[in-house]
Amino acid sequence: MIKLLRQHLLENEKLLSLLDNKEAIYHLEKPLKVKADHFIVFNERLLEDKYIKTYQLTFNIESPNVEKVISIEEELIKYLNDVRCEKLIKNEDTFIRNIQVLNGGGKIRLPEGNWRSVIFFLLKL
């Protein structure tokens, strides 16, 4: 599921144009060797493991520029939020039924001076 979701995000040219490089979407943490100012780190948490698995996705968007954070956030929500279940995201192993943005999250200025925005999504497999 993680591989499919990351692949799906990397297909969004507008989102990638707002980030530092074509690989600036990371799972769990940004590698220390990578130098990037504008990037996304996401992780998942299993909420329900029944017939349909439900995960909470947490996206952390980081940039020294608050306007850039807002632009990335807006594009990410526009691209992933699928309230009507109209988008099909699948590969040979995985089928993502639905992704919806959740309430919560927000923006904060980090001690290093960067801005971070946190966005939560609900994903169903």
N, C-alpha and C. Protein backbone atom coordinates (compact mmCIF):
# COMPACT_ATOMS: atom_id res chain seq x y z
N MET A 1 0.82 -1.18 0.00
CA MET A 1 0.00 0.00 0.00
C MET A 1 0.87 1.26 0.00
N ILE A 2 1.93 1.25 0.77
CA ILE A 2 2.82 2.41 0.85
C ILE A 2 3.48 2.68 -0.50
N LYS A 3 3.96 1.63 -1.12
CA LYS A 3 4.61 1.77 -2.42
C LYS A 3 3.64 2.33 -3.46
N LEU A 4 2.41 1.82 -3.47
CA LEU A 4 1.39 2.29 -4.41
C LEU A 4 1.03 3.75 -4.15
N LEU A 5 0.85 4.11 -2.90
CA LEU A 5 0.50 5.50 -2.56
C LEU A 5 1.61 6.46 -2.96
N ARG A 6 2.84 6.10 -2.66
CA ARG A 6 3.97 6.96 -3.03
C ARG A 6 4.08 7.09 -4.55
N GLN A 7 3.91 5.98 -5.25
CA GLN A 7 3.95 6.00 -6.72
C GLN A 7 2.85 6.91 -7.26
N HIS A 8 1.67 6.83 -6.68
CA HIS A 8 0.54 7.68 -7.11
C HIS A 8 0.87 9.16 -6.89
N LEU A 9 1.46 9.49 -5.76
CA LEU A 9 1.83 10.88 -5.48
C LEU A 9 2.91 11.38 -6.43
N LEU A 10 3.86 10.52 -6.77
CA LEU A 10 4.95 10.91 -7.67
C LEU A 10 4.48 11.11 -9.11
N GLU A 11 3.25 10.72 -9.41
CA GLU A 11 2.69 10.95 -10.75
C GLU A 11 2.09 12.35 -10.89
N ASN A 12 1.96 13.07 -9.79
CA ASN A 12 1.37 14.41 -9.81
C ASN A 12 2.46 15.44 -10.10
N GLU A 13 2.54 15.88 -11.34
CA GLU A 13 3.59 16.83 -11.77
C GLU A 13 3.50 18.17 -11.04
N LYS A 14 2.29 18.64 -10.79
CA LYS A 14 2.13 19.92 -10.10
C LYS A 14 2.67 19.83 -8.68
N LEU A 15 2.36 18.74 -7.99
CA LEU A 15 2.87 18.54 -6.64
C LEU A 15 4.39 18.46 -6.65
N LEU A 16 4.95 17.70 -7.58
CA LEU A 16 6.41 17.56 -7.66
C LEU A 16 7.09 18.88 -7.97
N SER A 17 6.44 19.74 -8.74
CA SER A 17 7.04 21.04 -9.07
C SER A 17 7.15 21.94 -7.85
N LEU A 18 6.35 21.68 -6.82
CA LEU A 18 6.40 22.47 -5.59
C LEU A 18 7.46 21.96 -4.61
N LEU A 19 7.95 20.74 -4.85
CA LEU A 19 8.95 20.12 -3.97
C LEU A 19 10.35 20.32 -4.53
N ASP A 20 11.37 19.98 -3.72
CA ASP A 20 12.76 20.21 -4.12
C ASP A 20 13.24 19.29 -5.23
N ASN A 21 12.78 18.06 -5.24
CA ASN A 21 13.22 17.13 -6.27
C ASN A 21 12.12 16.12 -6.56
N LYS A 22 12.33 15.31 -7.54
CA LYS A 22 11.31 14.35 -7.98
C LYS A 22 11.08 13.21 -6.99
N GLU A 23 11.91 13.11 -5.98
CA GLU A 23 11.78 12.04 -4.98
C GLU A 23 11.47 12.59 -3.59
N ALA A 24 11.07 13.83 -3.47
CA ALA A 24 10.93 14.50 -2.17
C ALA A 24 9.64 14.13 -1.42
N ILE A 25 9.18 12.90 -1.60
CA ILE A 25 8.06 12.36 -0.84
C ILE A 25 8.58 11.09 -0.17
N TYR A 26 8.63 11.10 1.16
CA TYR A 26 9.29 10.03 1.90
C TYR A 26 8.32 9.34 2.85
N HIS A 27 8.58 8.07 3.11
CA HIS A 27 7.81 7.30 4.09
C HIS A 27 8.58 7.27 5.40
N LEU A 28 7.96 7.63 6.47
CA LEU A 28 8.46 7.64 7.85
C LEU A 28 9.43 8.78 8.15
N GLU A 29 10.50 8.96 7.35
CA GLU A 29 11.42 10.07 7.61
C GLU A 29 12.22 10.40 6.36
N LYS A 30 12.69 11.64 6.31
CA LYS A 30 13.56 12.05 5.21
C LYS A 30 14.96 11.53 5.50
N PRO A 31 15.59 10.86 4.55
CA PRO A 31 16.96 10.38 4.78
C PRO A 31 17.91 11.54 5.12
N LEU A 32 18.81 11.32 6.05
CA LEU A 32 19.73 12.37 6.49
C LEU A 32 20.62 12.88 5.37
N LYS A 33 20.98 12.00 4.45
CA LYS A 33 21.88 12.40 3.37
C LYS A 33 21.21 13.28 2.32
N VAL A 34 19.88 13.32 2.33
CA VAL A 34 19.14 14.10 1.34
C VAL A 34 19.04 15.55 1.78
N LYS A 35 19.44 16.45 0.90
CA LYS A 35 19.34 17.88 1.16
C LYS A 35 18.09 18.39 0.45
N ALA A 36 17.06 18.69 1.21
CA ALA A 36 15.82 19.20 0.63
C ALA A 36 15.17 20.17 1.61
N ASP A 37 14.73 21.31 1.12
CA ASP A 37 14.03 22.28 1.96
C ASP A 37 12.52 22.09 1.91
N HIS A 38 12.01 21.67 0.75
CA HIS A 38 10.57 21.51 0.55
C HIS A 38 10.30 20.03 0.32
N PHE A 39 9.65 19.36 1.28
CA PHE A 39 9.44 17.92 1.15
C PHE A 39 8.22 17.47 1.95
N ILE A 40 7.81 16.23 1.70
CA ILE A 40 6.68 15.60 2.39
C ILE A 40 7.16 14.30 3.00
N VAL A 41 6.76 14.07 4.26
CA VAL A 41 7.01 12.79 4.93
C VAL A 41 5.64 12.27 5.38
N PHE A 42 5.35 11.01 5.08
CA PHE A 42 4.06 10.46 5.51
C PHE A 42 4.26 9.14 6.23
N ASN A 43 3.27 8.82 7.06
CA ASN A 43 3.26 7.53 7.73
C ASN A 43 1.82 7.06 7.86
N GLU A 44 1.65 5.83 8.25
CA GLU A 44 0.33 5.24 8.33
C GLU A 44 0.13 4.57 9.68
N ARG A 45 -1.15 4.46 10.07
CA ARG A 45 -1.51 3.77 11.31
C ARG A 45 -2.78 2.97 11.03
N LEU A 46 -2.72 1.68 11.28
CA LEU A 46 -3.88 0.81 11.05
C LEU A 46 -4.94 1.10 12.10
N LEU A 47 -6.15 1.42 11.65
CA LEU A 47 -7.26 1.70 12.56
C LEU A 47 -8.22 0.52 12.66
N GLU A 48 -8.43 -0.16 11.54
CA GLU A 48 -9.38 -1.27 11.51
C GLU A 48 -8.89 -2.33 10.54
N ASP A 49 -8.91 -3.58 11.00
CA ASP A 49 -8.41 -4.68 10.18
C ASP A 49 -9.50 -5.73 10.02
N LYS A 50 -10.59 -5.35 9.38
CA LYS A 50 -11.68 -6.28 9.13
C LYS A 50 -11.71 -6.60 7.65
N TYR A 51 -12.87 -6.73 7.09
CA TYR A 51 -13.00 -7.05 5.67
C TYR A 51 -12.36 -5.96 4.81
N ILE A 52 -12.58 -4.71 5.19
CA ILE A 52 -11.92 -3.57 4.55
C ILE A 52 -10.97 -2.96 5.58
N LYS A 53 -9.69 -2.87 5.24
CA LYS A 53 -8.71 -2.29 6.15
C LYS A 53 -8.79 -0.77 6.07
N THR A 54 -8.70 -0.13 7.23
CA THR A 54 -8.75 1.32 7.31
C THR A 54 -7.48 1.83 7.98
N TYR A 55 -6.84 2.80 7.34
CA TYR A 55 -5.61 3.40 7.86
C TYR A 55 -5.79 4.90 8.03
N GLN A 56 -5.12 5.44 9.02
CA GLN A 56 -4.97 6.89 9.12
C GLN A 56 -3.62 7.24 8.52
N LEU A 57 -3.61 8.13 7.55
CA LEU A 57 -2.37 8.62 6.96
C LEU A 57 -2.07 9.99 7.54
N THR A 58 -0.83 10.20 7.93
CA THR A 58 -0.39 11.50 8.43
C THR A 58 0.67 12.03 7.50
N PHE A 59 0.41 13.19 6.91
CA PHE A 59 1.36 13.84 6.01
C PHE A 59 1.95 15.05 6.71
N ASN A 60 3.28 15.11 6.75
CA ASN A 60 4.00 16.27 7.27
C ASN A 60 4.66 16.97 6.09
N ILE A 61 4.26 18.21 5.86
CA ILE A 61 4.83 19.01 4.78
C ILE A 61 5.77 20.01 5.43
N GLU A 62 7.01 20.08 4.93
CA GLU A 62 7.98 20.97 5.56
C GLU A 62 8.64 21.87 4.53
N SER A 63 8.81 23.14 4.91
CA SER A 63 9.44 24.14 4.04
C SER A 63 9.79 25.36 4.89
N PRO A 64 10.84 26.10 4.49
CA PRO A 64 11.14 27.35 5.19
C PRO A 64 10.15 28.47 4.84
N ASN A 65 9.32 28.25 3.83
CA ASN A 65 8.40 29.26 3.33
C ASN A 65 6.96 28.84 3.61
N VAL A 66 6.24 29.60 4.42
CA VAL A 66 4.87 29.23 4.79
C VAL A 66 3.93 29.22 3.59
N GLU A 67 4.15 30.11 2.62
CA GLU A 67 3.30 30.12 1.42
C GLU A 67 3.49 28.83 0.60
N LYS A 68 4.71 28.34 0.56
CA LYS A 68 5.01 27.09 -0.14
C LYS A 68 4.33 25.92 0.57
N VAL A 69 4.36 25.93 1.90
CA VAL A 69 3.69 24.88 2.67
C VAL A 69 2.20 24.86 2.35
N ILE A 70 1.59 26.04 2.29
CA ILE A 70 0.16 26.14 2.00
C ILE A 70 -0.13 25.64 0.58
N SER A 71 0.70 25.99 -0.38
CA SER A 71 0.50 25.54 -1.77
C SER A 71 0.61 24.02 -1.88
N ILE A 72 1.60 23.44 -1.23
CA ILE A 72 1.77 21.98 -1.25
C ILE A 72 0.58 21.31 -0.58
N GLU A 73 0.16 21.86 0.55
CA GLU A 73 -0.99 21.32 1.29
C GLU A 73 -2.25 21.33 0.42
N GLU A 74 -2.51 22.45 -0.24
CA GLU A 74 -3.70 22.56 -1.09
C GLU A 74 -3.66 21.56 -2.24
N GLU A 75 -2.50 21.41 -2.87
CA GLU A 75 -2.39 20.47 -3.99
C GLU A 75 -2.53 19.02 -3.51
N LEU A 76 -1.95 18.71 -2.36
CA LEU A 76 -2.05 17.35 -1.81
C LEU A 76 -3.51 17.00 -1.51
N ILE A 77 -4.23 17.91 -0.88
CA ILE A 77 -5.64 17.67 -0.56
C ILE A 77 -6.46 17.54 -1.85
N LYS A 78 -6.22 18.44 -2.79
CA LYS A 78 -6.95 18.40 -4.07
C LYS A 78 -6.71 17.07 -4.79
N TYR A 79 -5.49 16.59 -4.74
CA TYR A 79 -5.11 15.37 -5.46
C TYR A 79 -5.62 14.09 -4.78
N LEU A 80 -5.56 14.03 -3.46
CA LEU A 80 -5.89 12.79 -2.76
C LEU A 80 -7.34 12.70 -2.28
N ASN A 81 -7.94 13.81 -1.91
CA ASN A 81 -9.28 13.78 -1.32
C ASN A 81 -10.31 13.29 -2.34
N ASP A 82 -10.89 12.13 -2.06
CA ASP A 82 -11.81 11.48 -3.00
C ASP A 82 -13.10 11.12 -2.26
N VAL A 83 -13.90 12.12 -1.95
CA VAL A 83 -15.11 11.94 -1.16
C VAL A 83 -16.12 11.02 -1.85
N ARG A 84 -16.20 11.08 -3.17
CA ARG A 84 -17.20 10.31 -3.92
C ARG A 84 -16.69 8.95 -4.41
N CYS A 85 -15.50 8.57 -4.02
CA CYS A 85 -14.90 7.28 -4.42
C CYS A 85 -14.82 7.16 -5.94
N GLU A 86 -14.39 8.21 -6.61
CA GLU A 86 -14.32 8.23 -8.07
C GLU A 86 -12.95 7.83 -8.62
N LYS A 87 -11.91 7.92 -7.80
CA LYS A 87 -10.55 7.63 -8.27
C LYS A 87 -10.20 6.17 -8.00
N LEU A 88 -9.58 5.54 -8.97
CA LEU A 88 -9.09 4.18 -8.80
C LEU A 88 -7.58 4.23 -8.69
N ILE A 89 -7.08 3.79 -7.56
CA ILE A 89 -5.64 3.72 -7.34
C ILE A 89 -5.32 2.26 -7.09
N LYS A 90 -4.64 1.63 -8.04
CA LYS A 90 -4.39 0.20 -7.88
C LYS A 90 -3.15 -0.21 -8.66
N ASN A 91 -2.62 -1.33 -8.24
CA ASN A 91 -1.58 -2.04 -8.99
C ASN A 91 -1.94 -3.52 -8.94
N GLU A 92 -1.01 -4.39 -9.29
CA GLU A 92 -1.33 -5.82 -9.32
C GLU A 92 -1.57 -6.41 -7.94
N ASP A 93 -1.09 -5.76 -6.87
CA ASP A 93 -1.22 -6.30 -5.51
C ASP A 93 -2.26 -5.60 -4.65
N THR A 94 -2.48 -4.32 -4.90
CA THR A 94 -3.23 -3.49 -3.96
C THR A 94 -4.28 -2.66 -4.68
N PHE A 95 -5.40 -2.46 -3.99
CA PHE A 95 -6.48 -1.62 -4.51
C PHE A 95 -6.89 -0.66 -3.40
N ILE A 96 -6.64 0.62 -3.59
CA ILE A 96 -7.06 1.64 -2.62
C ILE A 96 -8.47 2.06 -3.00
N ARG A 97 -9.43 1.79 -2.12
CA ARG A 97 -10.83 2.07 -2.40
C ARG A 97 -11.16 3.55 -2.29
N ASN A 98 -10.58 4.19 -1.27
CA ASN A 98 -10.98 5.56 -0.99
C ASN A 98 -9.95 6.24 -0.09
N ILE A 99 -9.74 7.54 -0.33
CA ILE A 99 -8.92 8.38 0.56
C ILE A 99 -9.70 9.67 0.79
N GLN A 100 -9.86 10.04 2.08
CA GLN A 100 -10.57 11.28 2.41
C GLN A 100 -9.78 12.06 3.44
N VAL A 101 -9.79 13.37 3.30
CA VAL A 101 -9.12 14.23 4.26
C VAL A 101 -9.93 14.23 5.56
N LEU A 102 -9.24 14.27 6.69
CA LEU A 102 -9.88 14.31 8.00
C LEU A 102 -9.68 15.68 8.64
N ASN A 103 -10.51 15.98 9.63
CA ASN A 103 -10.32 17.20 10.41
C ASN A 103 -9.06 17.07 11.25
N GLY A 104 -8.52 18.20 11.65
CA GLY A 104 -7.33 18.18 12.49
C GLY A 104 -6.12 18.65 11.73
N GLY A 105 -4.98 18.49 12.35
CA GLY A 105 -3.75 18.95 11.72
C GLY A 105 -3.54 20.43 12.01
N GLY A 106 -2.73 21.07 11.19
CA GLY A 106 -2.45 22.48 11.36
C GLY A 106 -1.02 22.79 11.00
N LYS A 107 -0.63 24.05 11.23
CA LYS A 107 0.71 24.52 10.89
C LYS A 107 1.44 24.96 12.15
N ILE A 108 2.76 24.77 12.11
CA ILE A 108 3.59 25.18 13.24
C ILE A 108 4.95 25.59 12.71
N ARG A 109 5.57 26.53 13.39
CA ARG A 109 6.94 26.92 13.05
C ARG A 109 7.89 26.12 13.95
N LEU A 110 8.81 25.41 13.33
CA LEU A 110 9.76 24.56 14.06
C LEU A 110 10.91 25.39 14.62
N PRO A 111 11.61 24.90 15.65
CA PRO A 111 12.74 25.64 16.21
C PRO A 111 13.83 25.98 15.20
N GLU A 112 14.01 25.13 14.17
CA GLU A 112 15.03 25.39 13.14
C GLU A 112 14.61 26.51 12.19
N GLY A 113 13.35 26.95 12.29
CA GLY A 113 12.88 28.03 11.43
C GLY A 113 11.97 27.57 10.30
N ASN A 114 11.93 26.27 10.02
CA ASN A 114 11.04 25.75 8.98
C ASN A 114 9.59 25.74 9.45
N TRP A 115 8.68 25.73 8.49
CA TRP A 115 7.26 25.56 8.76
C TRP A 115 6.88 24.12 8.49
N ARG A 116 5.96 23.60 9.30
CA ARG A 116 5.45 22.25 9.10
C ARG A 116 3.92 22.30 9.14
N SER A 117 3.32 21.64 8.17
CA SER A 117 1.87 21.46 8.15
C SER A 117 1.58 19.98 8.27
N VAL A 118 0.62 19.65 9.11
CA VAL A 118 0.22 18.25 9.30
C VAL A 118 -1.20 18.09 8.76
N ILE A 119 -1.38 17.07 7.91
CA ILE A 119 -2.69 16.77 7.33
C ILE A 119 -2.98 15.29 7.56
N PHE A 120 -4.21 15.00 7.95
CA PHE A 120 -4.64 13.62 8.18
C PHE A 120 -5.61 13.18 7.09
N PHE A 121 -5.43 11.94 6.63
CA PHE A 121 -6.35 11.33 5.67
C PHE A 121 -6.78 9.97 6.21
N LEU A 122 -7.95 9.53 5.76
CA LEU A 122 -8.44 8.19 6.04
C LEU A 122 -8.37 7.40 4.74
N LEU A 123 -7.69 6.26 4.76
CA LEU A 123 -7.51 5.43 3.57
C LEU A 123 -8.17 4.08 3.80
N LYS A 124 -8.92 3.61 2.81
CA LYS A 124 -9.56 2.30 2.90
C LYS A 124 -9.06 1.40 1.78
N LEU A 125 -8.63 0.19 2.18
CA LEU A 125 -8.17 -0.83 1.22
C LEU A 125 -9.24 -1.88 1.03
